């Protein structure tokens, strides 16, 4: 029996309709140029939880004051469920765990410091926003420099 998959265009129509319905029913609107970012959403999830428990005032995005940013949690949960369902889940030994940890740590810290979610920058470029265009050029240049540096470091380690 052949498995049936949801076509991407149909998924887009269903997801878009659900978002419009959610906005209309609950008067809930995300900010302009808001998009998916594991750096910012993880920060907002942690900061929002700490704010709620300890009555602190750590910074979160405006939308996080109205709703919990559980995007990062659900991405991990969804990936885990999909991997288990299709029997692809298995632990793998990393070849250079320290290098990958430091690179991931750097990406997350820099993303939080500059509020530079690549997806949001791309959305702002699509809006024709000058800041988005400048940030995109800087992101491309930074990726190029980072790639060159990581390549040199990995060649020295091997």
Protein backbone atom coordinates (compact mmCIF):
# COMPACT_ATOMS: atom_id res chain seq x y z
CA UNK A 1 0.00 0.00 0.00
CA UNK A 2 1.44 3.35 -1.05
CA UNK A 3 1.78 6.05 1.59
CA UNK A 4 0.07 9.35 0.86
CA UNK A 5 1.88 12.56 1.64
CA UNK A 6 0.47 16.03 1.97
CA UNK A 7 1.44 18.17 -1.00
CA UNK A 8 3.44 21.30 -0.04
CA UNK A 9 0.95 23.69 -1.65
CA UNK A 10 -1.95 22.04 0.19
CA UNK A 11 -0.04 22.22 3.47
CA UNK A 12 0.56 25.94 2.82
CA UNK A 13 -3.15 26.55 2.24
CA UNK A 14 -4.13 24.64 5.39
CA UNK A 15 -1.47 26.32 7.57
CA UNK A 16 -2.28 29.77 6.18
CA UNK A 17 -5.99 29.27 6.78
CA UNK A 18 -5.36 28.14 10.34
CA UNK A 19 -3.20 31.20 11.04
CA UNK A 20 -5.81 33.59 9.63
CA UNK A 21 -8.53 31.85 11.65
CA UNK A 22 -6.41 32.02 14.81
CA UNK A 23 -5.77 35.74 14.25
CA UNK A 24 -9.47 36.45 13.62
CA UNK A 25 -10.80 34.45 16.57
CA UNK A 26 -8.26 35.49 19.20
CA UNK A 27 -7.21 38.94 17.92
CA UNK A 28 -3.64 37.70 17.96
CA UNK A 29 -1.20 39.19 15.46
CA UNK A 30 2.55 38.56 15.20
CA UNK A 31 4.77 41.58 14.57
CA UNK A 32 5.69 42.48 10.99
CA UNK A 33 8.57 40.53 9.51
CA UNK A 34 8.21 37.92 12.26
CA UNK A 35 9.33 34.46 11.35
CA UNK A 36 10.78 31.21 12.58
CA UNK A 37 14.02 31.40 14.60
CA UNK A 38 15.34 28.80 16.99
CA UNK A 39 17.72 31.31 18.57
CA UNK A 40 15.16 33.97 19.45
CA UNK A 41 12.34 31.57 20.22
CA UNK A 42 14.53 29.52 22.56
CA UNK A 43 15.64 32.74 24.30
CA UNK A 44 12.02 33.83 24.66
CA UNK A 45 10.95 30.42 25.98
CA UNK A 46 13.69 30.41 28.63
CA UNK A 47 13.32 34.09 29.54
CA UNK A 48 9.53 33.91 29.63
CA UNK A 49 9.59 30.83 31.86
CA UNK A 50 12.12 32.44 34.23
CA UNK A 51 10.05 35.66 34.26
CA UNK A 52 6.92 33.71 35.12
CA UNK A 53 8.50 31.64 37.90
CA UNK A 54 10.81 34.21 39.51
CA UNK A 55 8.95 37.44 38.64
CA UNK A 56 11.99 38.81 36.79
CA UNK A 57 11.93 41.06 33.75
CA UNK A 58 14.26 39.42 31.21
CA UNK A 59 13.80 40.62 27.64
CA UNK A 60 11.44 38.75 25.34
CA UNK A 61 9.84 39.59 22.02
CA UNK A 62 6.54 41.47 22.23
CA UNK A 63 4.60 38.46 20.99
CA UNK A 64 6.05 36.36 23.82
CA UNK A 65 4.21 38.50 26.35
CA UNK A 66 0.94 37.28 24.88
CA UNK A 67 1.84 33.66 24.10
CA UNK A 68 4.45 31.11 25.06
CA UNK A 69 7.19 30.68 22.47
CA UNK A 70 7.36 26.91 22.39
CA UNK A 71 8.51 26.72 18.77
CA UNK A 72 11.93 25.29 19.55
CA UNK A 73 10.48 22.66 21.88
CA UNK A 74 7.94 21.54 19.27
CA UNK A 75 10.56 21.45 16.49
CA UNK A 76 12.65 19.05 18.58
CA UNK A 77 9.58 17.03 19.59
CA UNK A 78 8.34 16.84 15.96
CA UNK A 79 11.75 15.76 14.68
CA UNK A 80 11.96 13.09 17.39
CA UNK A 81 8.47 11.75 16.63
CA UNK A 82 9.14 11.70 12.86
CA UNK A 83 12.48 9.94 13.34
CA UNK A 84 10.89 7.32 15.60
CA UNK A 85 7.94 6.81 13.28
CA UNK A 86 10.12 6.23 10.22
CA UNK A 87 12.70 4.21 12.19
CA UNK A 88 15.49 6.71 11.54
CA UNK A 89 16.20 7.55 15.19
CA UNK A 90 19.61 6.38 16.34
CA UNK A 91 22.42 7.81 18.40
CA UNK A 92 25.48 8.72 16.38
CA UNK A 93 28.96 9.42 17.59
CA UNK A 94 30.26 12.81 16.48
CA UNK A 95 33.67 13.03 14.87
CA UNK A 96 34.52 16.43 16.45
CA UNK A 97 32.01 17.18 19.20
CA UNK A 98 33.96 20.08 20.72
CA UNK A 99 34.25 21.91 17.39
CA UNK A 100 30.53 21.46 16.66
CA UNK A 101 29.60 22.57 20.19
CA UNK A 102 31.73 25.72 19.96
CA UNK A 103 30.41 26.55 16.47
CA UNK A 104 26.78 26.08 17.59
CA UNK A 105 27.42 28.09 20.76
CA UNK A 106 28.91 30.94 18.71
CA UNK A 107 25.98 30.98 16.28
CA UNK A 108 23.42 31.11 19.12
CA UNK A 109 25.26 33.81 21.10
CA UNK A 110 25.79 35.99 18.02
CA UNK A 111 22.14 35.50 17.02
CA UNK A 112 21.00 36.69 20.44
CA UNK A 113 23.46 39.60 20.60
CA UNK A 114 22.60 41.08 17.19
CA UNK A 115 18.95 39.94 17.02
CA UNK A 116 19.96 38.66 13.60
CA UNK A 117 17.62 35.82 12.81
CA UNK A 118 18.49 34.87 9.21
CA UNK A 119 14.89 34.06 8.37
CA UNK A 120 13.68 37.42 9.68
CA UNK A 121 16.42 39.18 7.73
CA UNK A 122 15.27 37.37 4.56
CA UNK A 123 11.66 38.39 5.25
CA UNK A 124 12.78 42.02 5.70
CA UNK A 125 14.68 41.84 2.40
CA UNK A 126 11.44 40.64 0.82
CA UNK A 127 9.70 43.73 2.27
CA UNK A 128 12.36 45.88 0.64
CA UNK A 129 13.56 47.13 4.04
CA UNK A 130 16.96 48.88 3.83
CA UNK A 131 18.04 47.43 7.21
CA UNK A 132 17.18 43.95 5.94
CA UNK A 133 19.22 44.43 2.76
CA UNK A 134 22.25 45.68 4.71
CA UNK A 135 21.88 42.89 7.28
CA UNK A 136 21.59 40.30 4.50
CA UNK A 137 24.80 41.56 2.87
CA UNK A 138 26.53 41.39 6.26
CA UNK A 139 25.15 37.90 6.86
CA UNK A 140 26.46 36.67 3.50
CA UNK A 141 29.88 38.19 4.21
CA UNK A 142 29.89 36.71 7.74
CA UNK A 143 28.96 33.26 6.45
CA UNK A 144 31.78 33.44 3.93
CA UNK A 145 34.33 34.51 6.59
CA UNK A 146 33.03 31.91 9.05
CA UNK A 147 33.23 29.16 6.45
CA UNK A 148 36.81 30.06 5.58
CA UNK A 149 37.82 30.14 9.26
CA UNK A 150 36.07 26.86 10.12
CA UNK A 151 37.64 25.21 7.10
CA UNK A 152 41.10 26.31 8.23
CA UNK A 153 40.47 25.15 11.81
CA UNK A 154 39.12 21.77 10.70
CA UNK A 155 42.08 21.22 8.37
CA UNK A 156 44.49 21.89 11.25
CA UNK A 157 42.62 19.41 13.49
CA UNK A 158 42.74 16.59 10.94
